[in-house]
Amino acid sequence: MLNWPELGKVFIIVGVLLTMLGFFFLFKDKLPFAPGRLPGDIVIKRDNFTFYFPLGTCILLSVILSLIFFLWRR
């Protein structure tokens, strides 16, 4: 059975998240700690080789998603 009020909440949350993501991409060059520039991100540049591993970004994203899912279950 489809629960319409719950579906409405999901659409609102997805809309807010997409709006926040849009603003992030719009202003990401002006942010001091944008992904790719966080402490802990590993970048190795050689003559014709670049290795990039976003360790700090992965940890931050994991913490944020864990918090969102924790609050979602409550």
PDB file of N, CA and C in Angstrom:
ATOM      1  N   MET A   1       0.844  -1.177   0.000  1.00  0.00           N
ATOM      2  CA  MET A   1       0.000   0.000   0.000  1.00  0.00           C
ATOM      3  C   MET A   1       0.892   1.243   0.000  1.00  0.00           C
ATOM      4  N   LEU A   2       0.561   2.190  -0.809  1.00  0.00           N
ATOM      5  CA  LEU A   2       1.348   3.409  -0.948  1.00  0.00           C
ATOM      6  C   LEU A   2       0.918   4.428   0.100  1.00  0.00           C
ATOM      7  N   ASN A   3       1.889   4.908   0.853  1.00  0.00           N
ATOM      8  CA  ASN A   3       1.616   5.880   1.901  1.00  0.00           C
ATOM      9  C   ASN A   3       1.955   7.276   1.357  1.00  0.00           C
ATOM     10  N   TRP A   4       0.960   8.034   0.957  1.00  0.00           N
ATOM     11  CA  TRP A   4       1.175   9.317   0.290  1.00  0.00           C
ATOM     12  C   TRP A   4       1.901  10.350   1.148  1.00  0.00           C
ATOM     13  N   PRO A   5       1.595  10.506   2.438  1.00  0.00           N
ATOM     14  CA  PRO A   5       2.346  11.502   3.226  1.00  0.00           C
ATOM     15  C   PRO A   5       3.837  11.178   3.308  1.00  0.00           C
ATOM     16  N   GLU A   6       4.178   9.890   3.425  1.00  0.00           N
ATOM     17  CA  GLU A   6       5.594   9.518   3.469  1.00  0.00           C
ATOM     18  C   GLU A   6       6.275   9.805   2.134  1.00  0.00           C
ATOM     19  N   LEU A   7       5.581   9.536   1.045  1.00  0.00           N
ATOM     20  CA  LEU A   7       6.126   9.811  -0.279  1.00  0.00           C
ATOM     21  C   LEU A   7       6.347  11.315  -0.467  1.00  0.00           C
ATOM     22  N   GLY A   8       5.456  12.121   0.063  1.00  0.00           N
ATOM     23  CA  GLY A   8       5.615  13.576  -0.006  1.00  0.00           C
ATOM     24  C   GLY A   8       6.848  14.039   0.747  1.00  0.00           C
ATOM     25  N   LYS A   9       7.105  13.455   1.911  1.00  0.00           N
ATOM     26  CA  LYS A   9       8.305  13.802   2.683  1.00  0.00           C
ATOM     27  C   LYS A   9       9.568  13.435   1.917  1.00  0.00           C
ATOM     28  N   VAL A  10       9.539  12.276   1.263  1.00  0.00           N
ATOM     29  CA  VAL A  10      10.704  11.846   0.485  1.00  0.00           C
ATOM     30  C   VAL A  10      10.969  12.829  -0.644  1.00  0.00           C
ATOM     31  N   PHE A  11       9.934  13.259  -1.345  1.00  0.00           N
ATOM     32  CA  PHE A  11      10.107  14.216  -2.444  1.00  0.00           C
ATOM     33  C   PHE A  11      10.651  15.559  -1.939  1.00  0.00           C
ATOM     34  N   ILE A  12      10.192  16.002  -0.791  1.00  0.00           N
ATOM     35  CA  ILE A  12      10.685  17.263  -0.234  1.00  0.00           C
ATOM     36  C   ILE A  12      12.154  17.142   0.128  1.00  0.00           C
ATOM     37  N   ILE A  13      12.541  16.054   0.774  1.00  0.00           N
ATOM     38  CA  ILE A  13      13.934  15.861   1.172  1.00  0.00           C
ATOM     39  C   ILE A  13      14.836  15.754  -0.055  1.00  0.00           C
ATOM     40  N   VAL A  14      14.405  15.001  -1.061  1.00  0.00           N
ATOM     41  CA  VAL A  14      15.197  14.877  -2.288  1.00  0.00           C
ATOM     42  C   VAL A  14      15.322  16.232  -2.975  1.00  0.00           C
ATOM     43  N   GLY A  15      14.260  17.013  -2.988  1.00  0.00           N
ATOM     44  CA  GLY A  15      14.313  18.344  -3.594  1.00  0.00           C
ATOM     45  C   GLY A  15      15.280  19.272  -2.873  1.00  0.00           C
ATOM     46  N   VAL A  16      15.261  19.239  -1.548  1.00  0.00           N
ATOM     47  CA  VAL A  16      16.185  20.079  -0.772  1.00  0.00           C
ATOM     48  C   VAL A  16      17.627  19.635  -1.014  1.00  0.00           C
ATOM     49  N   LEU A  17      17.868  18.328  -1.037  1.00  0.00           N
ATOM     50  CA  LEU A  17      19.225  17.832  -1.283  1.00  0.00           C
ATOM     51  C   LEU A  17      19.716  18.203  -2.681  1.00  0.00           C
ATOM     52  N   LEU A  18      18.847  18.108  -3.681  1.00  0.00           N
ATOM     53  CA  LEU A  18      19.240  18.494  -5.034  1.00  0.00           C
ATOM     54  C   LEU A  18      19.513  19.995  -5.135  1.00  0.00           C
ATOM     55  N   THR A  19      18.736  20.797  -4.427  1.00  0.00           N
ATOM     56  CA  THR A  19      18.976  22.239  -4.408  1.00  0.00           C
ATOM     57  C   THR A  19      20.316  22.552  -3.764  1.00  0.00           C
ATOM     58  N   MET A  20      20.613  21.898  -2.641  1.00  0.00           N
ATOM     59  CA  MET A  20      21.904  22.111  -1.979  1.00  0.00           C
ATOM     60  C   MET A  20      23.048  21.663  -2.874  1.00  0.00           C
ATOM     61  N   LEU A  21      22.881  20.549  -3.577  1.00  0.00           N
ATOM     62  CA  LEU A  21      23.910  20.067  -4.493  1.00  0.00           C
ATOM     63  C   LEU A  21      24.119  21.057  -5.638  1.00  0.00           C
ATOM     64  N   GLY A  22      23.041  21.636  -6.132  1.00  0.00           N
ATOM     65  CA  GLY A  22      23.145  22.639  -7.196  1.00  0.00           C
ATOM     66  C   GLY A  22      23.907  23.879  -6.748  1.00  0.00           C
ATOM     67  N   PHE A  23      23.616  24.369  -5.536  1.00  0.00           N
ATOM     68  CA  PHE A  23      24.356  25.517  -5.017  1.00  0.00           C
ATOM     69  C   PHE A  23      25.822  25.184  -4.799  1.00  0.00           C
ATOM     70  N   PHE A  24      26.074  23.948  -4.361  1.00  0.00           N
ATOM     71  CA  PHE A  24      27.458  23.530  -4.162  1.00  0.00           C
ATOM     72  C   PHE A  24      28.228  23.598  -5.480  1.00  0.00           C
ATOM     73  N   PHE A  25      27.665  23.037  -6.560  1.00  0.00           N
ATOM     74  CA  PHE A  25      28.355  23.056  -7.844  1.00  0.00           C
ATOM     75  C   PHE A  25      28.477  24.478  -8.394  1.00  0.00           C
ATOM     76  N   LEU A  26      27.528  25.330  -8.067  1.00  0.00           N
ATOM     77  CA  LEU A  26      27.560  26.707  -8.535  1.00  0.00           C
ATOM     78  C   LEU A  26      28.698  27.492  -7.877  1.00  0.00           C
ATOM     79  N   PHE A  27      28.932  27.255  -6.576  1.00  0.00           N
ATOM     80  CA  PHE A  27      29.908  28.034  -5.829  1.00  0.00           C
ATOM     81  C   PHE A  27      31.123  27.230  -5.384  1.00  0.00           C
ATOM     82  N   LYS A  28      31.371  26.058  -5.965  1.00  0.00           N
ATOM     83  CA  LYS A  28      32.436  25.195  -5.465  1.00  0.00           C
ATOM     84  C   LYS A  28      33.834  25.802  -5.627  1.00  0.00           C
ATOM     85  N   ASP A  29      34.044  26.653  -6.601  1.00  0.00           N
ATOM     86  CA  ASP A  29      35.366  27.273  -6.776  1.00  0.00           C
ATOM     87  C   ASP A  29      35.659  28.313  -5.702  1.00  0.00           C
ATOM     88  N   LYS A  30      34.632  28.844  -5.076  1.00  0.00           N
ATOM     89  CA  LYS A  30      34.813  29.874  -4.061  1.00  0.00           C
ATOM     90  C   LYS A  30      34.912  29.305  -2.647  1.00  0.00           C
ATOM     91  N   LEU A  31      34.635  28.003  -2.479  1.00  0.00           N
ATOM     92  CA  LEU A  31      34.689  27.382  -1.161  1.00  0.00           C
ATOM     93  C   LEU A  31      36.132  27.060  -0.778  1.00  0.00           C
ATOM     94  N   PRO A  32      36.536  27.334   0.462  1.00  0.00           N
ATOM     95  CA  PRO A  32      37.923  27.057   0.850  1.00  0.00           C
ATOM     96  C   PRO A  32      38.208  25.564   0.980  1.00  0.00           C
ATOM     97  N   PHE A  33      37.206  24.774   1.350  1.00  0.00           N
ATOM     98  CA  PHE A  33      37.410  23.341   1.516  1.00  0.00           C
ATOM     99  C   PHE A  33      36.514  22.562   0.573  1.00  0.00           C
ATOM    100  N   ALA A  34      36.661  22.797  -0.718  1.00  0.00           N
ATOM    101  CA  ALA A  34      35.893  22.057  -1.713  1.00  0.00           C
ATOM    102  C   ALA A  34      36.518  20.678  -1.887  1.00  0.00           C
ATOM    103  N   PRO A  35      35.738  19.707  -2.345  1.00  0.00           N
ATOM    104  CA  PRO A  35      36.318  18.383  -2.578  1.00  0.00           C
ATOM    105  C   PRO A  35      37.520  18.466  -3.512  1.00  0.00           C
ATOM    106  N   GLY A  36      38.549  17.766  -3.142  1.00  0.00           N
ATOM    107  CA  GLY A  36      39.789  17.831  -3.903  1.00  0.00           C
ATOM    108  C   GLY A  36      40.819  18.718  -3.242  1.00  0.00           C
ATOM    109  N   ARG A  37      40.388  19.529  -2.292  1.00  0.00           N
ATOM    110  CA  ARG A  37      41.300  20.421  -1.584  1.00  0.00           C
ATOM    111  C   ARG A  37      41.216  20.237  -0.073  1.00  0.00           C
ATOM    112  N   LEU A  38      40.617  19.154   0.370  1.00  0.00           N
ATOM    113  CA  LEU A  38      40.506  18.905   1.797  1.00  0.00           C
ATOM    114  C   LEU A  38      41.814  18.351   2.344  1.00  0.00           C
ATOM    115  N   PRO A  39      42.092  18.621   3.618  1.00  0.00           N
ATOM    116  CA  PRO A  39      43.258  17.979   4.228  1.00  0.00           C
ATOM    117  C   PRO A  39      43.049  16.467   4.227  1.00  0.00           C
ATOM    118  N   GLY A  40      44.045  15.733   3.837  1.00  0.00           N
ATOM    119  CA  GLY A  40      43.940  14.278   3.770  1.00  0.00           C
ATOM    120  C   GLY A  40      43.750  13.758   2.362  1.00  0.00           C
ATOM    121  N   ASP A  41      43.382  14.615   1.410  1.00  0.00           N
ATOM    122  CA  ASP A  41      43.294  14.186   0.017  1.00  0.00           C
ATOM    123  C   ASP A  41      44.707  14.020  -0.529  1.00  0.00           C
ATOM    124  N   ILE A  42      44.951  12.898  -1.171  1.00  0.00           N
ATOM    125  CA  ILE A  42      46.288  12.567  -1.649  1.00  0.00           C
ATOM    126  C   ILE A  42      46.378  12.872  -3.140  1.00  0.00           C
ATOM    127  N   VAL A  43      47.351  13.705  -3.521  1.00  0.00           N
ATOM    128  CA  VAL A  43      47.587  14.030  -4.928  1.00  0.00           C
ATOM    129  C   VAL A  43      49.076  13.871  -5.201  1.00  0.00           C
ATOM    130  N   ILE A  44      49.406  13.014  -6.171  1.00  0.00           N
ATOM    131  CA  ILE A  44      50.796  12.810  -6.576  1.00  0.00           C
ATOM    132  C   ILE A  44      50.883  13.154  -8.056  1.00  0.00           C
ATOM    133  N   LYS A  45      51.709  14.157  -8.384  1.00  0.00           N
ATOM    134  CA  LYS A  45      51.866  14.580  -9.774  1.00  0.00           C
ATOM    135  C   LYS A  45      53.297  14.297 -10.210  1.00  0.00           C
ATOM    136  N   ARG A  46      53.428  13.611 -11.312  1.00  0.00           N
ATOM    137  CA  ARG A  46      54.722  13.347 -11.946  1.00  0.00           C
ATOM    138  C   ARG A  46      54.696  13.950 -13.343  1.00  0.00           C
ATOM    139  N   ASP A  47      55.671  13.622 -14.152  1.00  0.00           N
ATOM    140  CA  ASP A  47      55.772  14.214 -15.484  1.00  0.00           C
ATOM    141  C   ASP A  47      54.503  13.998 -16.321  1.00  0.00           C
ATOM    142  N   ASN A  48      54.125  12.760 -16.539  1.00  0.00           N
ATOM    143  CA  ASN A  48      52.931  12.495 -17.345  1.00  0.00           C
ATOM    144  C   ASN A  48      51.942  11.613 -16.598  1.00  0.00           C
ATOM    145  N   PHE A  49      51.907  11.741 -15.276  1.00  0.00           N
ATOM    146  CA  PHE A  49      51.069  10.889 -14.452  1.00  0.00           C
ATOM    147  C   PHE A  49      50.545  11.688 -13.267  1.00  0.00           C
ATOM    148  N   THR A  50      49.260  11.570 -12.983  1.00  0.00           N
ATOM    149  CA  THR A  50      48.661  12.195 -11.802  1.00  0.00           C
ATOM    150  C   THR A  50      47.815  11.148 -11.086  1.00  0.00           C
ATOM    151  N   PHE A  51      48.104  10.960  -9.799  1.00  0.00           N
ATOM    152  CA  PHE A  51      47.333  10.045  -8.967  1.00  0.00           C
ATOM    153  C   PHE A  51      46.592  10.876  -7.939  1.00  0.00           C
ATOM    154  N   TYR A  52      45.282  10.654  -7.857  1.00  0.00           N
ATOM    155  CA  TYR A  52      44.452  11.416  -6.935  1.00  0.00           C
ATOM    156  C   TYR A  52      43.597  10.440  -6.148  1.00  0.00           C
ATOM    157  N   PHE A  53      43.688  10.503  -4.821  1.00  0.00           N
ATOM    158  CA  PHE A  53      42.841   9.684  -3.956  1.00  0.00           C
ATOM    159  C   PHE A  53      42.227  10.589  -2.904  1.00  0.00           C
ATOM    160  N   PRO A  54      40.910  10.825  -2.979  1.00  0.00           N
ATOM    161  CA  PRO A  54      40.252  11.777  -2.075  1.00  0.00           C
ATOM    162  C   PRO A  54      39.918  11.170  -0.711  1.00  0.00           C
ATOM    163  N   LEU A  55      40.923  10.845   0.080  1.00  0.00           N
ATOM    164  CA  LEU A  55      40.710  10.199   1.370  1.00  0.00           C
ATOM    165  C   LEU A  55      39.932  11.106   2.329  1.00  0.00           C
ATOM    166  N   GLY A  56      40.319  12.350   2.451  1.00  0.00           N
ATOM    167  CA  GLY A  56      39.613  13.287   3.333  1.00  0.00           C
ATOM    168  C   GLY A  56      38.174  13.497   2.894  1.00  0.00           C
ATOM    169  N   THR A  57      37.952  13.592   1.597  1.00  0.00           N
ATOM    170  CA  THR A  57      36.602  13.769   1.066  1.00  0.00           C
ATOM    171  C   THR A  57      35.754  12.531   1.346  1.00  0.00           C
ATOM    172  N   CYS A  58      36.329  11.344   1.208  1.00  0.00           N
ATOM    173  CA  CYS A  58      35.591  10.104   1.485  1.00  0.00           C
ATOM    174  C   CYS A  58      35.177  10.025   2.947  1.00  0.00           C
ATOM    175  N   ILE A  59      36.075  10.397   3.840  1.00  0.00           N
ATOM    176  CA  ILE A  59      35.754  10.363   5.268  1.00  0.00           C
ATOM    177  C   ILE A  59      34.649  11.369   5.595  1.00  0.00           C
ATOM    178  N   LEU A  60      34.760  12.580   5.063  1.00  0.00           N
ATOM    179  CA  LEU A  60      33.734  13.597   5.305  1.00  0.00           C
ATOM    180  C   LEU A  60      32.381  13.158   4.752  1.00  0.00           C
ATOM    181  N   LEU A  61      32.362  12.619   3.559  1.00  0.00           N
ATOM    182  CA  LEU A  61      31.120  12.152   2.950  1.00  0.00           C
ATOM    183  C   LEU A  61      30.516  11.002   3.761  1.00  0.00           C
ATOM    184  N   SER A  62      31.344  10.117   4.262  1.00  0.00           N
ATOM    185  CA  SER A  62      30.864   9.014   5.089  1.00  0.00           C
ATOM    186  C   SER A  62      30.214   9.520   6.373  1.00  0.00           C
ATOM    187  N   VAL A  63      30.826  10.493   7.018  1.00  0.00           N
ATOM    188  CA  VAL A  63      30.266  11.054   8.256  1.00  0.00           C
ATOM    189  C   VAL A  63      28.930  11.742   7.974  1.00  0.00           C
ATOM    190  N   ILE A  64      28.860  12.518   6.907  1.00  0.00           N
ATOM    191  CA  ILE A  64      27.625  13.229   6.565  1.00  0.00           C
ATOM    192  C   ILE A  64      26.503  12.254   6.232  1.00  0.00           C
ATOM    193  N   LEU A  65      26.802  11.239   5.414  1.00  0.00           N
ATOM    194  CA  LEU A  65      25.767  10.267   5.058  1.00  0.00           C
ATOM    195  C   LEU A  65      25.330   9.437   6.266  1.00  0.00           C
ATOM    196  N   SER A  66      26.261   9.102   7.154  1.00  0.00           N
ATOM    197  CA  SER A  66      25.898   8.373   8.371  1.00  0.00           C
ATOM    198  C   SER A  66      24.959   9.198   9.237  1.00  0.00           C
ATOM    199  N   LEU A  67      25.227  10.491   9.352  1.00  0.00           N
ATOM    200  CA  LEU A  67      24.365  11.377  10.128  1.00  0.00           C
ATOM    201  C   LEU A  67      22.974  11.487   9.497  1.00  0.00           C
ATOM    202  N   ILE A  68      22.926  11.623   8.181  1.00  0.00           N
ATOM    203  CA  ILE A  68      21.639  11.720   7.487  1.00  0.00           C
ATOM    204  C   ILE A  68      20.820  10.452   7.687  1.00  0.00           C
ATOM    205  N   PHE A  69      21.445   9.271   7.531  1.00  0.00           N
ATOM    206  CA  PHE A  69      20.712   8.013   7.677  1.00  0.00           C
ATOM    207  C   PHE A  69      20.313   7.772   9.130  1.00  0.00           C
ATOM    208  N   PHE A  70      21.127   8.212  10.072  1.00  0.00           N
ATOM    209  CA  PHE A  70      20.770   8.103  11.487  1.00  0.00           C
ATOM    210  C   PHE A  70      19.536   8.941  11.791  1.00  0.00           C
ATOM    211  N   LEU A  71      19.519  10.170  11.295  1.00  0.00           N
ATOM    212  CA  LEU A  71      18.365  11.035  11.517  1.00  0.00           C
ATOM    213  C   LEU A  71      17.138  10.555  10.765  1.00  0.00           C
ATOM    214  N   TRP A  72      17.340   9.914   9.628  1.00  0.00           N
ATOM    215  CA  TRP A  72      16.232   9.417   8.817  1.00  0.00           C
ATOM    216  C   TRP A  72      15.481   8.305   9.558  1.00  0.00           C
ATOM    217  N   ARG A  73      16.243   7.439  10.264  1.00  0.00           N
ATOM    218  CA  ARG A  73      15.631   6.307  10.972  1.00  0.00           C
ATOM    219  C   ARG A  73      14.871   6.735  12.223  1.00  0.00           C
ATOM    220  N   ARG A  74      15.187   7.871  12.785  1.00  0.00           N
ATOM    221  CA  ARG A  74      14.530   8.315  14.022  1.00  0.00           C
ATOM    222  C   ARG A  74      13.126   8.696  13.800  1.00  0.00           C
TER     223      ARG A  74
END
